[in-house]
């Protein structure tokens, strides 16, 4: 059973749409949803969690239809949005009491351990927390009721590199258990590159690429060549290119590298940027 399974998902707005999206989060894996601001990442997550009503398609979460079955699996889902939604006049201790009443599987000891690990004060009002502290508190809450699936929407956005690295480490520890699955969206590709098993590229509401991260390194390479040399490569093998004064930098399929041209390893951020520019 996949943790999340999306087929033919569509949602139209006045000036934007999610277009026939197919996406899977395999059980026991971390899937990174990558895209520039406005690509549709947050909309997709809201559709998964049934916070928006889809126009068509199917979404299942932990084996349940998201339209009517999420209530039955809510104990197994931890959610972190890009903005902390906890009341600013409450403190971490008060939030713990609220969550203890809300979740049957709430583990006060795990929550307390996270507060200590994140160096979060129990009695300080949340409104006086920094953005990083609020995000850590959100993650502590999401991971303190023994969830099987963690969904994070831009959880590392706007945080300093040290805090981002702490959060990525926590996600990696959570995902080390094969019973746990993670969907994390971000436009900071380097964060996802550290922790994800699969990468999904979104652009203007469409899924451009969904592939196992390690296979991306195997399938794609960077080359530097002339425009004439690039023209000799079969078009479908060229993922994206950048033409400059001194030639062309291109990302192509590894098996299409011409003789005499040196290929270089690709990084995921460059792959995404080149794909977006090629499709803009």
Protein backbone atom coordinates (compact mmCIF):
# COMPACT_ATOMS: atom_id res chain seq x y z
CA UNK A 1 0.00 0.00 0.00
CA UNK A 2 1.31 3.44 -0.95
CA UNK A 3 1.18 6.15 1.71
CA UNK A 4 -0.32 8.58 -0.82
CA UNK A 5 -1.68 7.77 -4.27
CA UNK A 6 -2.96 10.46 -6.64
CA UNK A 7 -4.45 9.72 -10.06
CA UNK A 8 -5.76 12.23 -12.58
CA UNK A 9 -6.10 15.01 -10.02
CA UNK A 10 -7.54 18.25 -11.41
CA UNK A 11 -8.43 21.53 -9.75
CA UNK A 12 -9.14 24.76 -11.64
CA UNK A 13 -9.06 28.31 -10.37
CA UNK A 14 -9.56 31.56 -12.25
CA UNK A 15 -5.93 31.89 -13.30
CA UNK A 16 -4.33 28.57 -12.30
CA UNK A 17 -5.03 24.86 -12.41
CA UNK A 18 -3.68 21.52 -11.26
CA UNK A 19 -3.71 19.51 -14.47
CA UNK A 20 -4.20 15.73 -14.47
CA UNK A 21 -1.69 15.09 -11.69
CA UNK A 22 -0.44 11.57 -10.96
CA UNK A 23 1.81 11.25 -7.92
CA UNK A 24 2.74 8.48 -5.50
CA UNK A 25 4.41 8.50 -2.10
CA UNK A 26 5.60 4.91 -1.62
CA UNK A 27 5.41 3.51 1.87
CA UNK A 28 8.64 3.95 3.77
CA UNK A 29 9.96 6.67 1.47
CA UNK A 30 10.55 10.43 1.47
CA UNK A 31 9.18 12.25 -1.57
CA UNK A 32 10.26 15.82 -2.23
CA UNK A 33 7.80 18.02 -4.09
CA UNK A 34 9.89 20.70 -5.81
CA UNK A 35 8.68 23.79 -7.58
CA UNK A 36 9.03 27.54 -7.76
CA UNK A 37 6.59 29.71 -5.80
CA UNK A 38 3.19 29.35 -7.45
CA UNK A 39 3.96 25.97 -9.03
CA UNK A 40 1.06 24.30 -7.21
CA UNK A 41 2.81 22.55 -4.34
CA UNK A 42 0.66 23.97 -1.53
CA UNK A 43 -2.52 23.52 -3.57
CA UNK A 44 -1.63 19.87 -4.13
CA UNK A 45 -1.04 19.32 -0.42
CA UNK A 46 -4.36 20.98 0.45
CA UNK A 47 -6.10 18.70 -2.06
CA UNK A 48 -4.40 15.66 -0.51
CA UNK A 49 -5.62 16.70 2.95
CA UNK A 50 -9.09 17.53 1.60
CA UNK A 51 -8.72 21.17 2.61
CA UNK A 52 -9.70 21.98 -0.98
CA UNK A 53 -12.32 20.12 -2.97
CA UNK A 54 -10.93 18.55 -6.13
CA UNK A 55 -12.67 18.88 -9.50
CA UNK A 56 -11.81 15.35 -10.59
CA UNK A 57 -9.42 12.49 -10.01
CA UNK A 58 -8.74 10.32 -6.98
CA UNK A 59 -6.59 10.81 -3.87
CA UNK A 60 -5.98 8.10 -1.30
CA UNK A 61 -4.05 8.59 1.93
CA UNK A 62 -2.92 5.53 3.88
CA UNK A 63 -5.42 3.48 1.91
CA UNK A 64 -8.37 5.81 2.48
CA UNK A 65 -10.11 8.10 0.02
CA UNK A 66 -9.18 11.62 1.11
CA UNK A 67 -12.68 12.91 0.34
CA UNK A 68 -14.37 10.88 3.07
CA UNK A 69 -11.82 8.69 4.82
CA UNK A 70 -9.25 11.01 6.35
CA UNK A 71 -11.09 11.15 9.67
CA UNK A 72 -10.36 7.45 10.08
CA UNK A 73 -6.61 7.89 9.59
CA UNK A 74 -6.02 11.35 11.08
CA UNK A 75 -4.18 9.79 14.03
CA UNK A 76 -1.60 8.48 11.57
CA UNK A 77 -0.94 11.79 9.77
CA UNK A 78 1.29 14.60 11.00
CA UNK A 79 1.00 17.91 9.13
CA UNK A 80 3.26 20.98 9.15
CA UNK A 81 2.36 24.07 7.13
CA UNK A 82 4.66 26.94 6.22
CA UNK A 83 3.03 29.17 8.83
CA UNK A 84 2.48 28.14 12.44
CA UNK A 85 -1.26 28.14 13.15
CA UNK A 86 -1.08 27.82 16.95
CA UNK A 87 -2.69 30.59 19.06
CA UNK A 88 -0.07 33.25 19.80
CA UNK A 89 -1.22 33.77 23.40
CA UNK A 90 -0.72 30.11 24.37
CA UNK A 91 2.54 28.38 25.23
CA UNK A 92 4.02 25.00 24.33
CA UNK A 93 2.79 23.40 27.54
CA UNK A 94 -0.81 24.51 26.89
CA UNK A 95 -0.60 23.23 23.31
CA UNK A 96 0.52 19.87 24.68
CA UNK A 97 -2.65 19.64 26.78
CA UNK A 98 -4.78 20.51 23.75
CA UNK A 99 -3.12 17.86 21.61
CA UNK A 100 -3.40 15.27 24.36
CA UNK A 101 -7.17 15.74 24.21
CA UNK A 102 -7.23 15.75 20.39
CA UNK A 103 -5.15 12.64 19.65
CA UNK A 104 -5.70 9.19 21.11
CA UNK A 105 -2.08 8.31 20.44
CA UNK A 106 -0.62 11.51 21.83
CA UNK A 107 2.68 10.82 23.62
CA UNK A 108 3.44 13.52 26.17
CA UNK A 109 6.93 12.14 26.78
CA UNK A 110 7.84 12.28 23.09
CA UNK A 111 6.52 15.84 22.91
CA UNK A 112 8.52 16.84 25.98
CA UNK A 113 11.63 15.22 24.51
CA UNK A 114 11.20 17.22 21.30
CA UNK A 115 10.79 20.46 23.24
CA UNK A 116 14.05 19.70 24.99
CA UNK A 117 15.82 18.64 21.79
CA UNK A 118 14.69 21.82 20.03
CA UNK A 119 15.47 23.97 23.08
CA UNK A 120 11.90 25.33 23.12
CA UNK A 121 10.63 27.03 26.29
CA UNK A 122 7.47 25.47 27.69
CA UNK A 123 5.97 28.63 29.22
CA UNK A 124 6.92 31.36 26.75
CA UNK A 125 4.02 32.60 24.62
CA UNK A 126 4.13 31.25 21.07
CA UNK A 127 3.59 34.79 19.74
CA UNK A 128 7.06 35.64 21.02
CA UNK A 129 8.70 32.69 19.27
CA UNK A 130 10.96 33.25 16.26
CA UNK A 131 9.88 31.71 12.95
CA UNK A 132 12.37 28.89 13.46
CA UNK A 133 11.03 28.15 16.95
CA UNK A 134 7.45 28.10 15.66
CA UNK A 135 8.40 25.67 12.92
CA UNK A 136 10.18 23.41 15.39
CA UNK A 137 7.12 23.48 17.65
CA UNK A 138 4.91 22.53 14.69
CA UNK A 139 7.19 19.61 13.88
CA UNK A 140 7.29 18.51 17.54
CA UNK A 141 3.48 18.44 17.58
CA UNK A 142 3.25 16.61 14.25
CA UNK A 143 5.64 13.89 15.40
CA UNK A 144 4.33 13.32 18.94
CA UNK A 145 1.30 11.18 18.18
CA UNK A 146 3.16 8.34 16.44
CA UNK A 147 2.14 9.35 12.93
CA UNK A 148 2.95 7.04 10.03
CA UNK A 149 2.81 9.80 7.43
CA UNK A 150 4.37 13.24 7.72
CA UNK A 151 3.25 15.99 5.31
CA UNK A 152 5.29 19.21 5.34
CA UNK A 153 4.50 22.23 3.18
CA UNK A 154 7.51 24.55 2.81
CA UNK A 155 8.57 23.71 6.35
CA UNK A 156 12.11 24.99 5.78
CA UNK A 157 11.20 28.20 3.93
CA UNK A 158 12.56 31.40 5.46
CA UNK A 159 14.67 29.61 8.07
CA UNK A 160 18.38 30.05 8.58
CA UNK A 161 20.65 27.22 7.33
CA UNK A 162 21.35 25.83 10.81
CA UNK A 163 17.65 25.47 11.68
CA UNK A 164 16.91 24.03 8.22
CA UNK A 165 19.62 21.44 8.71
CA UNK A 166 18.20 20.49 12.13
CA UNK A 167 14.76 19.97 10.60
CA UNK A 168 16.10 17.91 7.70
CA UNK A 169 17.96 15.70 10.22
CA UNK A 170 14.76 15.13 12.18
CA UNK A 171 12.89 14.18 9.00
CA UNK A 172 15.68 11.78 8.09
CA UNK A 173 15.50 10.12 11.53
CA UNK A 174 11.71 9.80 11.23
CA UNK A 175 11.98 8.25 7.76
CA UNK A 176 14.61 5.72 8.84
CA UNK A 177 11.71 3.59 10.10
CA UNK A 178 10.30 1.74 7.07
CA UNK A 179 6.78 2.19 8.44
CA UNK A 180 7.10 5.97 8.10
CA UNK A 181 6.55 8.00 4.93
CA UNK A 182 7.11 11.69 4.21
CA UNK A 183 5.88 14.17 1.61
CA UNK A 184 7.79 17.43 1.86
CA UNK A 185 7.42 20.39 -0.47
CA UNK A 186 10.05 23.07 -0.92
CA UNK A 187 11.58 25.43 -3.44
CA UNK A 188 14.92 24.94 -1.65
CA UNK A 189 16.14 21.98 -3.68
CA UNK A 190 19.34 21.47 -1.69
CA UNK A 191 17.31 20.63 1.43
CA UNK A 192 15.36 17.91 -0.36
CA UNK A 193 18.45 16.53 -2.03
CA UNK A 194 19.80 15.59 1.40
CA UNK A 195 16.86 13.52 2.57
CA UNK A 196 14.56 12.44 -0.27
CA UNK A 197 14.27 9.07 -1.97
CA UNK A 198 12.13 10.46 -4.80
CA UNK A 199 11.90 13.92 -6.36
CA UNK A 200 8.77 15.30 -8.03
CA UNK A 201 9.14 18.49 -10.12
CA UNK A 202 6.06 20.70 -10.46
CA UNK A 203 5.72 23.67 -12.79
CA UNK A 204 2.54 25.65 -13.45
CA UNK A 205 0.32 22.96 -11.95
CA UNK A 206 1.84 20.10 -13.93
CA UNK A 207 4.13 17.32 -12.82
CA UNK A 208 7.16 17.58 -15.08
CA UNK A 209 9.19 14.71 -13.64
CA UNK A 210 8.84 12.12 -10.89
CA UNK A 211 11.81 9.85 -10.37
CA UNK A 212 13.94 8.14 -7.79
CA UNK A 213 16.67 10.57 -6.78
CA UNK A 214 19.57 8.19 -7.36
CA UNK A 215 18.27 7.34 -10.82
CA UNK A 216 18.33 11.03 -11.71
CA UNK A 217 22.07 11.03 -11.11
CA UNK A 218 22.36 7.92 -13.30
CA UNK A 219 20.14 9.15 -16.15
CA UNK A 220 21.15 12.79 -16.62
CA UNK A 221 24.46 14.57 -17.13
CA UNK A 222 25.71 18.09 -17.86
CA UNK A 223 27.71 18.80 -21.01
CA UNK A 224 29.40 21.86 -22.45
CA UNK A 225 29.37 22.06 -26.22
CA UNK A 226 28.68 24.22 -29.26
CA UNK A 227 25.21 24.89 -30.60
CA UNK A 228 26.02 22.74 -33.63
CA UNK A 229 27.07 19.81 -31.42
CA UNK A 230 23.86 20.14 -29.42
CA UNK A 231 21.79 20.20 -32.62
CA UNK A 232 23.21 16.79 -33.52
CA UNK A 233 21.80 15.24 -30.31
CA UNK A 234 18.30 13.79 -30.64
CA UNK A 235 15.84 16.45 -29.35
CA UNK A 236 14.04 14.16 -26.90
CA UNK A 237 17.34 13.55 -25.07
CA UNK A 238 17.87 17.24 -24.31
CA UNK A 239 16.25 18.15 -21.00
CA UNK A 240 17.26 21.80 -21.00
CA UNK A 241 19.98 24.14 -22.17
CA UNK A 242 21.59 27.50 -21.49
CA UNK A 243 23.20 29.32 -24.39
CA UNK A 244 26.05 31.68 -23.53
CA UNK A 245 28.80 33.66 -25.19
CA UNK A 246 31.24 30.76 -25.05
CA UNK A 247 28.91 27.93 -26.02
CA UNK A 248 26.08 25.87 -24.57
CA UNK A 249 25.59 24.21 -21.20
CA UNK A 250 22.99 21.48 -21.49
CA UNK A 251 21.47 18.68 -19.44
CA UNK A 252 20.91 15.57 -21.52
CA UNK A 253 20.28 11.86 -21.09
CA UNK A 254 23.47 10.07 -20.23
CA UNK A 255 23.14 7.61 -23.09
CA UNK A 256 22.99 10.47 -25.61
CA UNK A 257 26.41 11.99 -24.86
CA UNK A 258 28.30 12.32 -28.18
CA UNK A 259 31.78 10.90 -28.53
CA UNK A 260 34.46 13.39 -27.67
CA UNK A 261 32.35 15.41 -25.23
CA UNK A 262 33.05 15.13 -21.50
CA UNK A 263 29.92 14.66 -19.35
CA UNK A 264 29.70 16.00 -15.80
CA UNK A 265 27.47 14.94 -12.89
CA UNK A 266 24.16 16.75 -12.64
CA UNK A 267 22.78 18.33 -9.48
CA UNK A 268 19.06 18.31 -8.90
CA UNK A 269 18.70 22.06 -8.54
CA UNK A 270 20.29 22.67 -11.94
CA UNK A 271 18.15 19.92 -13.47
CA UNK A 272 15.01 21.58 -12.15
CA UNK A 273 16.03 25.08 -13.27
CA UNK A 274 16.89 23.90 -16.77
CA UNK A 275 13.62 21.95 -17.09
CA UNK A 276 11.57 24.96 -15.99
CA UNK A 277 13.33 27.31 -18.41
CA UNK A 278 12.91 24.83 -21.25
CA UNK A 279 9.16 24.67 -20.58
CA UNK A 280 8.50 28.37 -19.97
